[in-house]
Amino acid sequence: MQTVNVILDTVDKVKGFVNTVAPLEGDIDLGSDRYIIDAKSIMGIFSLDLSKPLKLTIHDEATAARLVPMLQAYIV
């Protein structure tokens, strides 16, 4: 499991983020305060407080190794 902080402060960033993570296998979660949602769900992401960094948790190490370099534009 790997955790990084990401910022998704615009609609375009949310769309790009979801398009990047959606095709991948495994569980990927986004958290804000006490709320945790599926990072592949665009509606779920819009239910979070996007004004501050979100905690991205990738539960599979192989997926994390592939995904983290692809998300450099979003990582804080």
N, C-alpha and C. Protein backbone atom coordinates (compact mmCIF):
# COMPACT_ATOMS: atom_id res chain seq x y z
N MET A 1 0.84 -1.18 0.00
CA MET A 1 0.00 0.00 0.00
C MET A 1 0.89 1.24 0.00
N GLN A 2 0.51 2.21 -0.81
CA GLN A 2 1.25 3.47 -0.88
C GLN A 2 0.27 4.62 -0.79
N THR A 3 0.68 5.67 -0.06
CA THR A 3 -0.17 6.84 0.13
C THR A 3 0.59 8.09 -0.29
N VAL A 4 -0.07 8.94 -1.07
CA VAL A 4 0.48 10.25 -1.46
C VAL A 4 -0.63 11.28 -1.36
N ASN A 5 -0.26 12.54 -1.27
CA ASN A 5 -1.24 13.63 -1.26
C ASN A 5 -1.34 14.21 -2.66
N VAL A 6 -2.57 14.46 -3.10
CA VAL A 6 -2.81 15.04 -4.42
C VAL A 6 -3.71 16.25 -4.27
N ILE A 7 -3.60 17.16 -5.23
CA ILE A 7 -4.49 18.32 -5.26
C ILE A 7 -5.26 18.28 -6.58
N LEU A 8 -6.58 18.35 -6.47
CA LEU A 8 -7.48 18.32 -7.63
C LEU A 8 -8.38 19.54 -7.54
N ASP A 9 -7.81 20.71 -7.82
CA ASP A 9 -8.51 21.97 -7.58
C ASP A 9 -9.25 22.55 -8.79
N THR A 10 -9.24 21.84 -9.91
CA THR A 10 -10.01 22.29 -11.07
C THR A 10 -10.76 21.11 -11.67
N VAL A 11 -11.78 21.41 -12.45
CA VAL A 11 -12.55 20.36 -13.11
C VAL A 11 -11.67 19.58 -14.07
N ASP A 12 -10.79 20.29 -14.79
CA ASP A 12 -9.90 19.61 -15.74
C ASP A 12 -8.96 18.65 -15.02
N LYS A 13 -8.46 19.03 -13.85
CA LYS A 13 -7.59 18.13 -13.09
C LYS A 13 -8.34 16.89 -12.64
N VAL A 14 -9.59 17.06 -12.21
CA VAL A 14 -10.39 15.91 -11.78
C VAL A 14 -10.61 14.97 -12.96
N LYS A 15 -10.98 15.50 -14.11
CA LYS A 15 -11.20 14.67 -15.31
C LYS A 15 -9.93 13.93 -15.70
N GLY A 16 -8.81 14.64 -15.74
CA GLY A 16 -7.54 14.01 -16.10
C GLY A 16 -7.14 12.93 -15.11
N PHE A 17 -7.36 13.20 -13.83
CA PHE A 17 -7.03 12.23 -12.79
C PHE A 17 -7.87 10.96 -12.95
N VAL A 18 -9.16 11.11 -13.11
CA VAL A 18 -10.05 9.95 -13.26
C VAL A 18 -9.70 9.17 -14.53
N ASN A 19 -9.40 9.86 -15.62
CA ASN A 19 -9.02 9.17 -16.85
C ASN A 19 -7.73 8.40 -16.69
N THR A 20 -6.86 8.83 -15.80
CA THR A 20 -5.60 8.14 -15.55
C THR A 20 -5.80 6.91 -14.67
N VAL A 21 -6.59 7.03 -13.61
CA VAL A 21 -6.73 5.92 -12.65
C VAL A 21 -7.80 4.90 -13.04
N ALA A 22 -8.82 5.30 -13.80
CA ALA A 22 -9.96 4.41 -14.09
C ALA A 22 -9.57 3.10 -14.78
N PRO A 23 -8.66 3.11 -15.74
CA PRO A 23 -8.36 1.85 -16.43
C PRO A 23 -7.53 0.85 -15.59
N LEU A 24 -6.99 1.28 -14.48
CA LEU A 24 -6.10 0.43 -13.70
C LEU A 24 -6.87 -0.55 -12.82
N GLU A 25 -6.28 -1.71 -12.60
CA GLU A 25 -6.85 -2.73 -11.72
C GLU A 25 -6.51 -2.38 -10.27
N GLY A 26 -7.30 -2.89 -9.36
CA GLY A 26 -7.00 -2.72 -7.94
C GLY A 26 -7.78 -1.59 -7.31
N ASP A 27 -7.72 -1.57 -5.99
CA ASP A 27 -8.42 -0.56 -5.21
C ASP A 27 -7.57 0.69 -5.06
N ILE A 28 -8.17 1.83 -5.39
CA ILE A 28 -7.51 3.13 -5.26
C ILE A 28 -8.53 4.05 -4.60
N ASP A 29 -8.16 4.60 -3.45
CA ASP A 29 -9.08 5.42 -2.68
C ASP A 29 -8.58 6.84 -2.55
N LEU A 30 -9.52 7.78 -2.41
CA LEU A 30 -9.21 9.17 -2.10
C LEU A 30 -9.90 9.51 -0.79
N GLY A 31 -9.19 10.22 0.06
CA GLY A 31 -9.76 10.60 1.34
C GLY A 31 -9.62 12.08 1.62
N SER A 32 -10.64 12.61 2.29
CA SER A 32 -10.64 13.99 2.75
C SER A 32 -11.29 13.98 4.12
N ASP A 33 -10.53 14.35 5.14
CA ASP A 33 -11.00 14.28 6.52
C ASP A 33 -11.42 12.84 6.82
N ARG A 34 -12.68 12.64 7.18
CA ARG A 34 -13.12 11.29 7.53
C ARG A 34 -13.80 10.56 6.38
N TYR A 35 -13.88 11.17 5.21
CA TYR A 35 -14.54 10.57 4.06
C TYR A 35 -13.52 9.88 3.15
N ILE A 36 -13.87 8.67 2.71
CA ILE A 36 -13.03 7.92 1.78
C ILE A 36 -13.93 7.45 0.64
N ILE A 37 -13.49 7.72 -0.59
CA ILE A 37 -14.28 7.33 -1.76
C ILE A 37 -13.38 6.59 -2.75
N ASP A 38 -13.99 5.93 -3.72
CA ASP A 38 -13.27 5.26 -4.79
C ASP A 38 -12.69 6.33 -5.72
N ALA A 39 -11.39 6.31 -5.92
CA ALA A 39 -10.73 7.34 -6.73
C ALA A 39 -11.11 7.26 -8.21
N LYS A 40 -11.75 6.18 -8.62
CA LYS A 40 -12.17 6.03 -10.01
C LYS A 40 -13.54 6.66 -10.26
N SER A 41 -14.19 7.17 -9.21
CA SER A 41 -15.53 7.73 -9.31
C SER A 41 -15.49 9.25 -9.39
N ILE A 42 -15.81 9.79 -10.54
CA ILE A 42 -15.79 11.24 -10.71
C ILE A 42 -16.83 11.90 -9.82
N MET A 43 -18.00 11.28 -9.66
CA MET A 43 -19.03 11.84 -8.78
C MET A 43 -18.57 11.80 -7.33
N GLY A 44 -17.89 10.75 -6.95
CA GLY A 44 -17.37 10.65 -5.59
C GLY A 44 -16.34 11.74 -5.31
N ILE A 45 -15.47 11.99 -6.27
CA ILE A 45 -14.44 13.03 -6.09
C ILE A 45 -15.08 14.39 -5.90
N PHE A 46 -16.13 14.69 -6.67
CA PHE A 46 -16.78 15.98 -6.53
C PHE A 46 -17.54 16.13 -5.22
N SER A 47 -17.73 15.03 -4.49
CA SER A 47 -18.38 15.12 -3.18
C SER A 47 -17.38 15.49 -2.08
N LEU A 48 -16.09 15.49 -2.39
CA LEU A 48 -15.05 15.81 -1.41
C LEU A 48 -14.74 17.31 -1.42
N ASP A 49 -14.05 17.75 -0.38
CA ASP A 49 -13.58 19.14 -0.30
C ASP A 49 -12.32 19.26 -1.15
N LEU A 50 -12.45 19.83 -2.33
CA LEU A 50 -11.33 19.91 -3.28
C LEU A 50 -10.46 21.14 -3.07
N SER A 51 -10.74 21.92 -2.04
CA SER A 51 -9.94 23.11 -1.78
C SER A 51 -8.64 22.80 -1.04
N LYS A 52 -8.50 21.56 -0.59
CA LYS A 52 -7.27 21.17 0.12
C LYS A 52 -6.79 19.83 -0.42
N PRO A 53 -5.54 19.48 -0.11
CA PRO A 53 -5.00 18.20 -0.63
C PRO A 53 -5.82 17.01 -0.15
N LEU A 54 -5.88 15.99 -1.01
CA LEU A 54 -6.58 14.75 -0.72
C LEU A 54 -5.55 13.64 -0.54
N LYS A 55 -5.88 12.67 0.28
CA LYS A 55 -4.98 11.53 0.52
C LYS A 55 -5.35 10.41 -0.45
N LEU A 56 -4.42 10.09 -1.35
CA LEU A 56 -4.60 9.01 -2.32
C LEU A 56 -3.94 7.76 -1.78
N THR A 57 -4.72 6.68 -1.65
CA THR A 57 -4.19 5.42 -1.16
C THR A 57 -4.33 4.38 -2.26
N ILE A 58 -3.19 3.80 -2.66
CA ILE A 58 -3.15 2.76 -3.69
C ILE A 58 -2.84 1.46 -2.95
N HIS A 59 -3.76 0.52 -2.99
CA HIS A 59 -3.65 -0.68 -2.16
C HIS A 59 -2.75 -1.77 -2.74
N ASP A 60 -2.48 -1.74 -4.03
CA ASP A 60 -1.65 -2.75 -4.68
C ASP A 60 -0.29 -2.14 -5.04
N GLU A 61 0.78 -2.79 -4.60
CA GLU A 61 2.13 -2.24 -4.83
C GLU A 61 2.48 -2.16 -6.33
N ALA A 62 2.09 -3.15 -7.10
CA ALA A 62 2.39 -3.13 -8.54
C ALA A 62 1.66 -1.97 -9.22
N THR A 63 0.42 -1.76 -8.85
CA THR A 63 -0.34 -0.63 -9.39
C THR A 63 0.29 0.68 -8.96
N ALA A 64 0.72 0.76 -7.71
CA ALA A 64 1.35 1.98 -7.20
C ALA A 64 2.61 2.30 -7.98
N ALA A 65 3.41 1.29 -8.28
CA ALA A 65 4.65 1.51 -9.02
C ALA A 65 4.38 2.09 -10.40
N ARG A 66 3.28 1.68 -11.02
CA ARG A 66 2.92 2.21 -12.34
C ARG A 66 2.23 3.55 -12.26
N LEU A 67 1.40 3.75 -11.24
CA LEU A 67 0.53 4.91 -11.18
C LEU A 67 1.22 6.18 -10.68
N VAL A 68 2.04 6.07 -9.67
CA VAL A 68 2.64 7.27 -9.07
C VAL A 68 3.41 8.11 -10.10
N PRO A 69 4.22 7.53 -10.98
CA PRO A 69 4.87 8.37 -11.98
C PRO A 69 3.90 9.06 -12.93
N MET A 70 2.74 8.43 -13.18
CA MET A 70 1.75 9.00 -14.08
C MET A 70 0.99 10.15 -13.43
N LEU A 71 1.06 10.25 -12.10
CA LEU A 71 0.30 11.28 -11.38
C LEU A 71 1.16 12.43 -10.87
N GLN A 72 2.33 12.60 -11.36
CA GLN A 72 3.25 13.64 -10.88
C GLN A 72 2.63 15.05 -10.98
N ALA A 73 1.77 15.28 -11.94
CA ALA A 73 1.15 16.60 -12.10
C ALA A 73 0.16 16.91 -10.98
N TYR A 74 -0.30 15.89 -10.27
CA TYR A 74 -1.30 16.07 -9.22
C TYR A 74 -0.73 15.94 -7.81
N ILE A 75 0.44 15.35 -7.69
CA ILE A 75 1.02 15.08 -6.36
C ILE A 75 1.57 16.36 -5.75
N VAL A 76 1.25 16.56 -4.47
CA VAL A 76 1.71 17.75 -3.74
C VAL A 76 3.04 17.43 -3.09
